[in-house]
């Protein structure tokens, strides 16, 4: 859910996280805080907007744990 369709002077839009409702700034044109998250996640789907920093970190951590679990399982099957 986008709070405002306008952008501030920095090109940032205010939006609410679809998971927890936290209002935060999003700047897809560059310089956004989400660029600092080192995970490679798919773009939002099902009309879901950008996630807030806390929810995005939680999704990234869960994806990392899943990848680690798959790697461990693959290593065990090679033994």
C-alpha atoms as a PDB file:
ATOM      1  CA  UNK A   1       0.000   0.000   0.000  1.00  0.00           C
ATOM      2  CA  UNK A   2       1.515   3.319  -1.041  1.00  0.00           C
ATOM      3  CA  UNK A   3       0.854   6.174   1.355  1.00  0.00           C
ATOM      4  CA  UNK A   4       1.676   8.906  -1.144  1.00  0.00           C
ATOM      5  CA  UNK A   5       2.066   8.769  -4.889  1.00  0.00           C
ATOM      6  CA  UNK A   6       4.281  11.856  -4.725  1.00  0.00           C
ATOM      7  CA  UNK A   7       7.971  11.888  -4.015  1.00  0.00           C
ATOM      8  CA  UNK A   8       9.931  14.186  -1.751  1.00  0.00           C
ATOM      9  CA  UNK A   9      12.943  16.256  -2.884  1.00  0.00           C
ATOM     10  CA  UNK A  10      15.221  13.194  -2.557  1.00  0.00           C
ATOM     11  CA  UNK A  11      12.975  11.185  -4.911  1.00  0.00           C
ATOM     12  CA  UNK A  12      11.770   9.058  -2.019  1.00  0.00           C
ATOM     13  CA  UNK A  13       8.173   7.924  -1.686  1.00  0.00           C
ATOM     14  CA  UNK A  14       6.472   7.131   1.608  1.00  0.00           C
ATOM     15  CA  UNK A  15       4.872   3.708   1.716  1.00  0.00           C
ATOM     16  CA  UNK A  16       3.518   1.264   4.283  1.00  0.00           C
ATOM     17  CA  UNK A  17       4.994  -2.208   4.615  1.00  0.00           C
ATOM     18  CA  UNK A  18       2.415  -4.749   3.418  1.00  0.00           C
ATOM     19  CA  UNK A  19       3.524  -7.204   6.125  1.00  0.00           C
ATOM     20  CA  UNK A  20       3.640  -5.102   9.290  1.00  0.00           C
ATOM     21  CA  UNK A  21       2.206  -1.696   8.347  1.00  0.00           C
ATOM     22  CA  UNK A  22       5.318   0.331   9.217  1.00  0.00           C
ATOM     23  CA  UNK A  23       5.544   3.534   7.143  1.00  0.00           C
ATOM     24  CA  UNK A  24       8.975   4.048   5.583  1.00  0.00           C
ATOM     25  CA  UNK A  25      10.761   5.716   2.682  1.00  0.00           C
ATOM     26  CA  UNK A  26      11.438   3.902  -0.586  1.00  0.00           C
ATOM     27  CA  UNK A  27      13.671   5.194  -3.384  1.00  0.00           C
ATOM     28  CA  UNK A  28      13.854   2.769  -6.304  1.00  0.00           C
ATOM     29  CA  UNK A  29      15.769   5.271  -8.433  1.00  0.00           C
ATOM     30  CA  UNK A  30      18.929   4.712  -6.407  1.00  0.00           C
ATOM     31  CA  UNK A  31      20.424   5.419  -3.035  1.00  0.00           C
ATOM     32  CA  UNK A  32      17.732   3.447  -1.217  1.00  0.00           C
ATOM     33  CA  UNK A  33      18.488   1.768   2.116  1.00  0.00           C
ATOM     34  CA  UNK A  34      17.505  -1.589   0.583  1.00  0.00           C
ATOM     35  CA  UNK A  35      20.632  -1.493  -1.594  1.00  0.00           C
ATOM     36  CA  UNK A  36      22.575  -2.219   1.605  1.00  0.00           C
ATOM     37  CA  UNK A  37      20.819  -5.591   2.091  1.00  0.00           C
ATOM     38  CA  UNK A  38      23.131  -8.219   0.633  1.00  0.00           C
ATOM     39  CA  UNK A  39      20.439 -10.751  -0.300  1.00  0.00           C
ATOM     40  CA  UNK A  40      19.222 -11.358  -3.812  1.00  0.00           C
ATOM     41  CA  UNK A  41      15.465 -11.555  -3.410  1.00  0.00           C
ATOM     42  CA  UNK A  42      12.740 -11.602  -6.044  1.00  0.00           C
ATOM     43  CA  UNK A  43      10.742  -8.450  -6.662  1.00  0.00           C
ATOM     44  CA  UNK A  44       7.454  -8.210  -4.752  1.00  0.00           C
ATOM     45  CA  UNK A  45       4.560 -10.165  -6.244  1.00  0.00           C
ATOM     46  CA  UNK A  46       0.798 -10.386  -5.766  1.00  0.00           C
ATOM     47  CA  UNK A  47       0.460  -6.596  -5.624  1.00  0.00           C
ATOM     48  CA  UNK A  48       2.804  -6.538  -2.628  1.00  0.00           C
ATOM     49  CA  UNK A  49       4.798  -3.333  -2.324  1.00  0.00           C
ATOM     50  CA  UNK A  50       8.314  -2.902  -0.936  1.00  0.00           C
ATOM     51  CA  UNK A  51       8.960  -4.242   2.555  1.00  0.00           C
ATOM     52  CA  UNK A  52      10.203  -2.124   5.461  1.00  0.00           C
ATOM     53  CA  UNK A  53      13.811  -2.574   6.621  1.00  0.00           C
ATOM     54  CA  UNK A  54      12.904  -5.000   9.432  1.00  0.00           C
ATOM     55  CA  UNK A  55      10.677  -7.227   7.269  1.00  0.00           C
ATOM     56  CA  UNK A  56      13.119  -7.219   4.351  1.00  0.00           C
ATOM     57  CA  UNK A  57      15.955  -8.242   6.679  1.00  0.00           C
ATOM     58  CA  UNK A  58      13.773 -11.018   8.108  1.00  0.00           C
ATOM     59  CA  UNK A  59      12.950 -12.309   4.606  1.00  0.00           C
ATOM     60  CA  UNK A  60      16.633 -12.075   3.596  1.00  0.00           C
ATOM     61  CA  UNK A  61      17.715 -13.949   6.745  1.00  0.00           C
ATOM     62  CA  UNK A  62      15.123 -16.675   6.124  1.00  0.00           C
ATOM     63  CA  UNK A  63      16.265 -17.017   2.495  1.00  0.00           C
ATOM     64  CA  UNK A  64      19.885 -17.243   3.642  1.00  0.00           C
ATOM     65  CA  UNK A  65      19.034 -19.947   6.198  1.00  0.00           C
ATOM     66  CA  UNK A  66      17.106 -21.915   3.552  1.00  0.00           C
ATOM     67  CA  UNK A  67      20.066 -21.692   1.164  1.00  0.00           C
ATOM     68  CA  UNK A  68      22.441 -22.785   3.946  1.00  0.00           C
ATOM     69  CA  UNK A  69      20.183 -25.756   4.797  1.00  0.00           C
ATOM     70  CA  UNK A  70      20.065 -26.799   1.138  1.00  0.00           C
ATOM     71  CA  UNK A  71      23.834 -26.574   0.914  1.00  0.00           C
ATOM     72  CA  UNK A  72      24.291 -28.730   4.020  1.00  0.00           C
ATOM     73  CA  UNK A  73      21.820 -31.302   2.703  1.00  0.00           C
ATOM     74  CA  UNK A  74      23.601 -31.372  -0.645  1.00  0.00           C
ATOM     75  CA  UNK A  75      26.979 -31.800   1.084  1.00  0.00           C
ATOM     76  CA  UNK A  76      25.637 -34.695   3.158  1.00  0.00           C
ATOM     77  CA  UNK A  77      24.268 -36.496   0.112  1.00  0.00           C
ATOM     78  CA  UNK A  78      27.693 -36.316  -1.556  1.00  0.00           C
ATOM     79  CA  UNK A  79      29.333 -38.125   1.374  1.00  0.00           C
END
